[in-house]
Amino acid sequence: MKNKKIAIIGKGTAGCLTATSLANNSPLEIDWYFDPNTPEQSVGEGSTLLFPNFLRSNLSMEETQLKTLLEGTYKNSIRKINYNGSGDFHHSFSLGNSGIHFNANKLQKLIYNGLKNRVNYIPKQITNYSQIDANHIVDCSGKPNDYTEFNKVTSIPVNSVYIVQSNWEKPKFNYTLTIARPYGWVFGIPLQNRCSIGYLYNKNINTLEEVQEDIKEIFKQFNLNPSNKINSFSFNNYYRKKNFTERVTYNGNASFFLEPLEATSIDCMIIINNNLIEMLKGNITQDEANIKYQNFLSMSEQMITMHYFAGSKFKTPFWEYAYNNSLDNINKMTSNPLFRLMFEEMKEYINNKRFGIRFPQIEGFVSQGAFSFSQNIPNLGILDKIEHLVKINDNSNLVI
């Protein structure tokens, strides 16, 4: 990688993580382009396990700085309420590990200020890659205008969100809230000075006015005082058919967007950057990097889809649509020989509670992914259904 120049477009969360990874793990000269008139988006404020490790190894961040620099809190689990199955359970992390909740704008400013002497900042709007003089480009410029080069994710039934910030003096819980509601589901992200509440729904089935009325039940249930700071927008769920090319690698919303039910966005950004570095070093090929990308996004899609396959306590048009929409993806998952191999190991853990189990390091179903499946599948009440589908789809040759 000697004497090569790399360019990054965009300084939102994906651009910041990319700049940090490349500055710390490569000898490349880095040009960082951004449009000074475009505000960064405050998205992805919850993480799983990769992100705390990233902050420690790349920014030398200490525990106390999570609170002081990022207004953050530890995330010990995802509490899932009103889904079928147990109806209220914690999808927790393995012992000694945790995710975090953090203020995305604070993170962006921290990284931007910290890299001033290590990258070349170029405040310029990029409209064409020909404007850039670099050996390789990482495009973190945000959501695309055209989806021709993308896989549209049809198994996920939500396409809109209504977000309300609720201020508080200190955090009232140390987990991410995930609550099934009649028109979709609600997330709760606890930071030091506020709780972000968001209602995910399908605008083709329910109205914003219905969502605004129903979300009041969440404020009442968790004793939250909503502020006037609100946001509402629609989105697509998608990921690229080919994320790594000879000239360009994509990250952030320029690469993918899957709804935040399992908080996999930050992990995917980090994985893309890790694979990019390995590709630039010559340790993996471009095709191998794309396969790893597809595997992770497919697994994330399946983890999300299981919740709609499980359903909720609400018998509404949204949940009927969500269940029917999940079936093709669940059949694809249970037809996959790699999933079936992981599933057999997972059943051993679930049925026997055998300590010391090491889930197989199968590409696309790495250990932590299998650990998450082992919690979600039984607690969502779909273990028998998944086992039945595994058996009837046993002769399929489909793979992720």
Protein backbone atom coordinates (compact mmCIF):
# COMPACT_ATOMS: atom_id res chain seq x y z
CA MET A 1 0.00 0.00 0.00
CA LYS A 2 3.03 2.31 -0.04
CA ASN A 3 2.79 5.67 -1.83
CA LYS A 4 -0.92 5.23 -2.48
CA LYS A 5 -3.55 7.87 -1.92
CA ILE A 6 -7.07 7.11 -0.76
CA ALA A 7 -10.02 9.51 -0.78
CA ILE A 8 -13.02 9.49 1.55
CA ILE A 9 -16.26 11.27 0.64
CA GLY A 10 -18.52 12.37 3.49
CA LYS A 11 -17.91 13.02 7.18
CA GLY A 12 -20.93 11.44 8.82
CA THR A 13 -20.49 8.43 11.09
CA ALA A 14 -19.38 6.11 8.25
CA GLY A 15 -16.88 8.66 6.93
CA CYS A 16 -15.47 9.23 10.43
CA LEU A 17 -15.05 5.51 11.15
CA THR A 18 -13.44 5.01 7.74
CA ALA A 19 -10.99 7.88 8.24
CA THR A 20 -10.06 6.54 11.70
CA SER A 21 -9.53 2.97 10.47
CA LEU A 22 -7.39 3.98 7.51
CA ALA A 23 -5.34 6.53 9.47
CA ASN A 24 -4.55 3.99 12.19
CA ASN A 25 -4.04 0.87 10.12
CA SER A 26 -2.39 1.90 6.85
CA PRO A 27 0.44 4.08 5.55
CA LEU A 28 -1.82 5.66 2.96
CA GLU A 29 -2.13 9.36 2.26
CA ILE A 30 -5.75 10.25 2.97
CA ASP A 31 -7.81 13.03 1.38
CA TRP A 32 -11.13 13.58 3.14
CA TYR A 33 -13.76 15.37 1.03
CA PHE A 34 -16.96 16.75 2.50
CA ASP A 35 -19.63 19.25 1.59
CA PRO A 36 -19.47 21.98 4.29
CA ASN A 37 -23.09 22.90 3.57
CA THR A 38 -24.46 19.42 4.20
CA PRO A 39 -25.17 18.64 7.91
CA GLU A 40 -24.13 15.23 9.20
CA GLN A 41 -26.90 12.82 10.12
CA SER A 42 -27.20 11.68 13.73
CA VAL A 43 -27.92 8.01 13.08
CA GLY A 44 -26.77 4.69 14.49
CA GLU A 45 -26.67 5.63 18.17
CA GLY A 46 -26.68 2.04 19.43
CA SER A 47 -24.05 -0.63 18.89
CA THR A 48 -23.19 -4.26 19.54
CA LEU A 49 -19.76 -5.54 20.58
CA LEU A 50 -17.46 -4.43 17.76
CA PHE A 51 -17.82 -0.72 18.38
CA PRO A 52 -16.50 -0.49 21.98
CA ASN A 53 -13.48 -2.53 20.84
CA PHE A 54 -13.04 -0.13 17.91
CA LEU A 55 -13.09 2.92 20.20
CA ARG A 56 -10.59 1.35 22.57
CA SER A 57 -8.13 0.19 19.91
CA ASN A 58 -8.40 3.18 17.54
CA LEU A 59 -9.09 6.13 19.86
CA SER A 60 -7.63 4.77 23.14
CA MET A 61 -10.95 5.69 24.74
CA GLU A 62 -11.34 5.08 28.48
CA GLU A 63 -14.54 4.08 30.24
CA THR A 64 -15.13 7.50 31.82
CA GLN A 65 -14.86 9.16 28.39
CA LEU A 66 -17.91 7.28 27.12
CA LYS A 67 -19.98 9.52 29.39
CA THR A 68 -18.00 12.75 29.16
CA LEU A 69 -17.13 12.77 25.44
CA LEU A 70 -20.02 10.87 23.86
CA GLU A 71 -22.82 11.38 26.41
CA GLY A 72 -23.00 7.59 26.21
CA THR A 73 -24.19 4.68 28.30
CA TYR A 74 -23.35 1.00 28.37
CA LYS A 75 -25.75 -1.26 26.53
CA ASN A 76 -26.04 -4.54 28.41
CA SER A 77 -28.87 -6.01 26.33
CA ILE A 78 -31.78 -5.40 23.99
CA ARG A 79 -35.07 -5.68 25.85
CA LYS A 80 -37.78 -7.03 23.54
CA ILE A 81 -41.40 -6.51 24.59
CA ASN A 82 -44.76 -7.61 23.11
CA TYR A 83 -43.34 -10.08 20.58
CA ASN A 84 -44.76 -13.60 20.50
CA GLY A 85 -42.91 -16.13 22.60
CA SER A 86 -41.92 -14.99 26.08
CA GLY A 87 -43.39 -11.54 25.45
CA ASP A 88 -40.63 -9.76 27.37
CA PHE A 89 -37.01 -10.88 27.29
CA HIS A 90 -33.48 -9.51 27.19
CA HIS A 91 -31.29 -10.35 24.22
CA SER A 92 -28.06 -10.05 26.18
CA PHE A 93 -24.37 -10.15 25.33
CA SER A 94 -21.87 -12.76 26.42
CA LEU A 95 -20.34 -12.32 29.88
CA GLY A 96 -17.82 -9.50 30.10
CA ASN A 97 -18.98 -7.81 26.89
CA SER A 98 -21.37 -4.98 26.17
CA GLY A 99 -22.40 -2.58 23.47
CA ILE A 100 -22.87 1.14 23.95
CA HIS A 101 -25.31 3.95 23.24
CA PHE A 102 -23.70 7.19 22.09
CA ASN A 103 -24.34 10.64 20.67
CA ALA A 104 -23.44 10.28 16.98
CA ASN A 105 -22.82 14.02 16.47
CA LYS A 106 -20.41 14.06 19.43
CA LEU A 107 -18.55 11.09 17.95
CA GLN A 108 -18.26 12.77 14.54
CA LYS A 109 -16.84 15.98 16.03
CA LEU A 110 -14.43 14.04 18.27
CA ILE A 111 -12.98 12.08 15.35
CA TYR A 112 -12.93 15.04 12.97
CA ASN A 113 -10.97 17.17 15.45
CA GLY A 114 -8.66 14.29 16.39
CA LEU A 115 -7.53 13.56 12.82
CA LYS A 116 -6.66 17.10 11.74
CA ASN A 117 -2.93 16.42 11.61
CA ARG A 118 -3.24 13.01 9.98
CA VAL A 119 -5.55 13.49 7.00
CA ASN A 120 -6.05 16.19 4.37
CA TYR A 121 -9.41 17.92 4.84
CA ILE A 122 -10.93 19.17 1.57
CA PRO A 123 -14.25 21.07 2.01
CA LYS A 124 -15.64 20.43 -1.46
CA GLN A 125 -18.84 18.95 -2.81
CA ILE A 126 -18.10 15.93 -5.00
CA THR A 127 -20.55 15.27 -7.82
CA ASN A 128 -18.35 12.96 -9.90
CA TYR A 129 -15.48 10.64 -9.06
CA SER A 130 -13.45 12.23 -11.87
CA GLN A 131 -13.02 15.23 -9.55
CA ILE A 132 -10.83 13.10 -7.27
CA ASP A 133 -7.15 12.29 -7.68
CA ALA A 134 -6.67 9.07 -5.68
CA ASN A 135 -5.87 5.40 -6.16
CA HIS A 136 -9.05 4.35 -4.37
CA ILE A 137 -12.22 6.09 -3.16
CA VAL A 138 -14.41 5.25 -0.16
CA ASP A 139 -17.84 6.74 -0.82
CA CYS A 140 -19.66 7.55 2.45
CA SER A 141 -21.78 10.30 0.92
CA GLY A 142 -25.18 9.06 2.10
CA LYS A 143 -28.25 7.37 0.63
CA PRO A 144 -28.33 6.85 -3.14
CA ASN A 145 -30.63 8.57 -5.59
CA ASP A 146 -30.88 5.46 -7.74
CA TYR A 147 -31.20 1.84 -6.58
CA THR A 148 -30.22 0.05 -9.79
CA GLU A 149 -27.02 -1.31 -8.25
CA PHE A 150 -28.73 -2.45 -5.04
CA ASN A 151 -30.62 -5.41 -3.64
CA LYS A 152 -33.91 -4.04 -2.33
CA VAL A 153 -34.76 -5.83 0.93
CA THR A 154 -38.42 -6.76 0.64
CA SER A 155 -38.57 -8.97 3.75
CA ILE A 156 -38.46 -5.94 6.07
CA PRO A 157 -41.94 -4.35 6.33
CA VAL A 158 -41.08 -0.93 7.83
CA ASN A 159 -40.23 2.08 5.68
CA SER A 160 -40.81 5.14 7.89
CA VAL A 161 -39.86 6.40 11.34
CA TYR A 162 -41.10 9.03 13.79
CA ILE A 163 -38.46 10.06 16.36
CA VAL A 164 -38.97 12.06 19.56
CA GLN A 165 -36.25 13.12 22.01
CA SER A 166 -37.15 12.93 25.70
CA ASN A 167 -34.86 14.81 28.07
CA TRP A 168 -33.99 13.44 31.51
CA GLU A 169 -31.51 14.13 34.31
CA LYS A 170 -29.95 10.66 34.17
CA PRO A 171 -30.51 7.35 32.35
CA LYS A 172 -33.42 5.25 33.62
CA PHE A 173 -32.28 1.95 32.06
CA ASN A 174 -29.12 0.39 30.60
CA TYR A 175 -30.49 -1.50 27.60
CA THR A 176 -31.98 -0.71 24.22
CA LEU A 177 -35.76 -0.85 24.21
CA THR A 178 -37.45 -2.73 21.36
CA ILE A 179 -41.22 -2.78 21.73
CA ALA A 180 -43.72 -4.27 19.29
CA ARG A 181 -46.71 -1.98 18.80
CA PRO A 182 -49.88 -2.23 16.67
CA TYR A 183 -48.39 -0.32 13.74
CA GLY A 184 -44.77 -1.53 13.92
CA TRP A 185 -42.23 -1.30 16.71
CA VAL A 186 -40.59 1.30 18.95
CA PHE A 187 -36.94 1.71 19.90
CA GLY A 188 -35.57 3.48 22.96
CA ILE A 189 -31.92 4.63 23.12
CA PRO A 190 -30.84 5.89 26.58
CA LEU A 191 -28.10 8.54 26.61
CA GLN A 192 -26.89 10.56 29.59
CA ASN A 193 -29.18 13.55 29.05
CA ARG A 194 -31.90 12.23 26.76
CA CYS A 195 -33.75 9.16 25.57
CA SER A 196 -34.34 8.82 21.84
CA ILE A 197 -37.70 7.17 21.10
CA GLY A 198 -38.45 6.11 17.54
CA TYR A 199 -41.54 4.42 16.06
CA LEU A 200 -40.83 2.32 12.93
CA TYR A 201 -43.89 1.73 10.74
CA ASN A 202 -45.10 1.23 7.17
CA LYS A 203 -46.50 4.43 5.67
CA ASN A 204 -48.51 2.40 3.13
CA ILE A 205 -50.45 0.71 5.93
CA ASN A 206 -50.65 3.26 8.74
CA THR A 207 -50.53 7.03 8.99
CA LEU A 208 -48.13 9.26 10.88
CA GLU A 209 -51.11 10.54 12.89
CA GLU A 210 -51.87 6.99 14.10
CA VAL A 211 -48.24 6.54 15.10
CA GLN A 212 -48.13 9.89 16.92
CA GLU A 213 -51.14 8.87 18.97
CA ASP A 214 -49.92 5.35 19.76
CA ILE A 215 -46.41 6.46 20.82
CA LYS A 216 -47.99 8.27 23.79
CA GLU A 217 -48.40 4.85 25.43
CA ILE A 218 -44.61 4.44 25.46
CA PHE A 219 -44.08 7.83 27.12
CA LYS A 220 -46.62 6.87 29.77
CA GLN A 221 -45.26 3.34 30.31
CA PHE A 222 -41.65 4.49 30.83
CA ASN A 223 -42.43 7.83 32.47
CA LEU A 224 -40.80 9.91 29.73
CA ASN A 225 -41.39 13.57 28.96
CA PRO A 226 -41.26 14.13 25.19
CA SER A 227 -39.61 17.33 24.01
CA ASN A 228 -40.43 19.39 20.94
CA LYS A 229 -37.38 17.94 19.16
CA ILE A 230 -38.88 15.52 16.66
CA ASN A 231 -37.91 14.05 13.31
CA SER A 232 -39.82 12.03 10.73
CA PHE A 233 -38.72 10.49 7.45
CA SER A 234 -39.17 7.53 5.13
CA PHE A 235 -36.47 5.14 3.95
CA ASN A 236 -35.69 2.08 1.85
CA ASN A 237 -34.00 -1.10 3.08
CA TYR A 238 -31.19 -2.12 0.72
CA TYR A 239 -27.59 -3.16 0.21
CA ARG A 240 -25.27 -3.17 -2.78
CA LYS A 241 -24.97 -6.00 -5.25
CA LYS A 242 -21.23 -5.24 -5.40
CA ASN A 243 -19.77 -3.11 -2.61
CA PHE A 244 -16.05 -3.36 -3.44
CA THR A 245 -14.87 -2.38 -6.92
CA GLU A 246 -11.49 -1.61 -8.42
CA ARG A 247 -12.01 2.13 -8.06
CA VAL A 248 -14.56 2.56 -5.26
CA THR A 249 -15.61 1.02 -1.95
CA TYR A 250 -18.92 2.13 -0.43
CA ASN A 251 -19.82 2.55 3.24
CA GLY A 252 -22.65 3.90 5.36
CA ASN A 253 -25.91 4.68 3.60
CA ALA A 254 -24.08 4.80 0.26
CA SER A 255 -23.57 1.07 0.80
CA PHE A 256 -26.56 -0.20 2.78
CA PHE A 257 -29.47 0.53 5.07
CA LEU A 258 -31.30 -2.02 7.18
CA GLU A 259 -33.71 -0.90 9.88
CA PRO A 260 -32.11 -0.71 13.37
CA LEU A 261 -33.91 -3.62 15.07
CA GLU A 262 -30.65 -5.47 15.83
CA ALA A 263 -28.30 -2.42 15.76
CA THR A 264 -26.01 -3.95 13.12
CA SER A 265 -25.22 -0.76 11.16
CA ILE A 266 -22.07 0.24 13.06
CA ASP A 267 -20.78 -3.34 12.94
CA CYS A 268 -21.27 -3.41 9.17
CA MET A 269 -19.37 -0.12 8.74
CA ILE A 270 -16.44 -1.51 10.73
CA ILE A 271 -16.48 -4.82 8.83
CA ILE A 272 -16.46 -3.00 5.48
CA ASN A 273 -13.41 -0.99 6.57
CA ASN A 274 -11.61 -4.06 7.90
CA ASN A 275 -12.17 -5.88 4.61
CA LEU A 276 -11.09 -2.81 2.64
CA ILE A 277 -7.78 -2.69 4.51
CA GLU A 278 -7.22 -6.41 3.97
CA MET A 279 -8.03 -5.99 0.27
CA LEU A 280 -5.62 -3.06 -0.10
CA LYS A 281 -2.91 -5.10 1.62
CA GLY A 282 -3.50 -7.93 -0.82
CA ASN A 283 -4.62 -10.37 1.87
CA ILE A 284 -8.06 -10.93 0.31
CA THR A 285 -9.40 -10.45 -3.19
CA GLN A 286 -12.10 -8.04 -4.23
CA ASP A 287 -14.48 -10.99 -4.76
CA GLU A 288 -13.74 -12.33 -1.26
CA ALA A 289 -14.44 -8.90 0.25
CA ASN A 290 -17.79 -8.77 -1.56
CA ILE A 291 -18.73 -12.26 -0.36
CA LYS A 292 -18.00 -11.29 3.27
CA TYR A 293 -20.12 -8.17 2.80
CA GLN A 294 -23.05 -10.11 1.32
CA ASN A 295 -22.83 -12.74 4.07
CA PHE A 296 -22.99 -10.19 6.88
CA LEU A 297 -25.89 -8.23 5.37
CA SER A 298 -27.81 -11.44 4.63
CA MET A 299 -27.34 -12.64 8.19
CA SER A 300 -28.46 -9.26 9.55
CA GLU A 301 -31.54 -9.31 7.32
CA GLN A 302 -32.44 -12.78 8.55
CA MET A 303 -31.96 -11.82 12.20
CA ILE A 304 -34.36 -8.92 11.70
CA THR A 305 -36.89 -10.90 9.67
CA MET A 306 -37.26 -13.53 12.42
CA HIS A 307 -39.05 -10.96 14.58
CA TYR A 308 -41.72 -10.44 11.95
CA PHE A 309 -41.99 -14.18 11.40
CA ALA A 310 -42.59 -14.55 15.15
CA GLY A 311 -45.24 -11.83 15.15
CA SER A 312 -46.54 -9.90 18.13
CA LYS A 313 -49.47 -9.82 20.50
CA PHE A 314 -51.18 -7.35 18.14
CA LYS A 315 -53.41 -8.78 15.41
CA THR A 316 -53.34 -5.85 13.03
CA PRO A 317 -52.93 -5.32 9.27
CA PHE A 318 -49.29 -4.35 9.82
CA TRP A 319 -48.37 -7.58 11.63
CA GLU A 320 -50.28 -9.72 9.13
CA TYR A 321 -48.35 -8.03 6.31
CA ALA A 322 -45.06 -8.36 8.22
CA TYR A 323 -45.54 -12.12 8.75
CA ASN A 324 -46.45 -12.82 5.12
CA ASN A 325 -43.55 -10.69 3.96
CA SER A 326 -41.08 -12.66 6.08
CA LEU A 327 -41.79 -16.11 4.67
CA ASP A 328 -39.54 -16.10 1.59
CA ASN A 329 -36.54 -14.89 3.57
CA ILE A 330 -37.10 -17.40 6.40
CA ASN A 331 -37.35 -20.22 3.84
CA LYS A 332 -34.11 -19.05 2.26
CA MET A 333 -32.43 -18.99 5.67
CA THR A 334 -33.57 -22.47 6.65
CA SER A 335 -32.57 -23.83 3.22
CA ASN A 336 -29.00 -22.71 3.73
CA PRO A 337 -26.64 -25.60 4.68
CA LEU A 338 -24.48 -23.15 6.65
CA PHE A 339 -27.46 -22.03 8.74
CA ARG A 340 -28.47 -25.66 9.36
CA LEU A 341 -24.98 -26.47 10.62
CA MET A 342 -25.11 -23.50 12.98
CA PHE A 343 -28.68 -24.39 14.00
CA GLU A 344 -27.72 -27.90 15.14
CA GLU A 345 -24.96 -26.49 17.37
CA MET A 346 -27.38 -23.87 18.65
CA LYS A 347 -29.98 -26.48 19.61
CA GLU A 348 -27.34 -28.33 21.64
CA TYR A 349 -26.73 -25.14 23.59
CA ILE A 350 -30.44 -24.31 24.00
CA ASN A 351 -31.62 -27.81 24.95
CA ASN A 352 -28.73 -28.86 27.19
CA LYS A 353 -27.41 -25.49 28.36
CA ARG A 354 -24.00 -26.99 27.72
CA PHE A 355 -21.26 -24.72 29.04
CA GLY A 356 -18.12 -24.27 27.01
CA ILE A 357 -19.87 -24.53 23.66
CA ARG A 358 -18.03 -22.82 20.82
CA PHE A 359 -20.29 -22.00 17.94
CA PRO A 360 -18.66 -22.93 14.61
CA GLN A 361 -16.80 -20.11 12.87
CA ILE A 362 -18.87 -20.40 9.72
CA GLU A 363 -18.53 -17.56 7.24
CA GLY A 364 -21.67 -15.48 7.59
CA PHE A 365 -22.61 -17.03 10.94
CA VAL A 366 -19.69 -16.10 13.16
CA SER A 367 -19.75 -16.86 16.86
CA GLN A 368 -21.57 -13.76 18.07
CA GLY A 369 -24.15 -14.10 15.32
CA ALA A 370 -24.86 -17.66 16.38
CA PHE A 371 -25.07 -16.52 20.01
CA SER A 372 -27.72 -13.96 18.98
CA PHE A 373 -29.70 -16.57 17.03
CA SER A 374 -29.60 -18.83 20.11
CA GLN A 375 -31.35 -16.15 22.17
CA ASN A 376 -33.81 -14.80 19.64
CA ILE A 377 -35.13 -18.04 18.19
CA PRO A 378 -36.39 -19.65 21.45
CA ASN A 379 -37.48 -16.42 23.14
CA LEU A 380 -39.48 -15.36 20.10
CA GLY A 381 -41.25 -18.72 20.29
CA ILE A 382 -40.18 -19.94 16.85
CA LEU A 383 -37.77 -22.77 17.69
CA ASP A 384 -40.19 -25.52 16.62
CA LYS A 385 -41.20 -23.63 13.48
CA ILE A 386 -37.59 -23.06 12.44
CA GLU A 387 -36.70 -26.69 13.13
CA HIS A 388 -39.65 -27.82 11.01
CA LEU A 389 -38.54 -25.59 8.12
CA VAL A 390 -34.96 -26.80 8.43
CA LYS A 391 -36.18 -30.36 8.00
CA ILE A 392 -38.48 -29.77 5.05
CA ASN A 393 -35.90 -27.57 3.28
CA ASP A 394 -33.06 -30.00 3.90
CA ASN A 395 -32.59 -30.90 0.24
CA SER A 396 -32.17 -27.31 -0.94
CA ASN A 397 -28.85 -26.19 -2.36
CA LEU A 398 -29.44 -22.52 -1.59
CA VAL A 399 -26.63 -20.65 0.09
CA ILE A 400 -26.24 -17.10 1.29
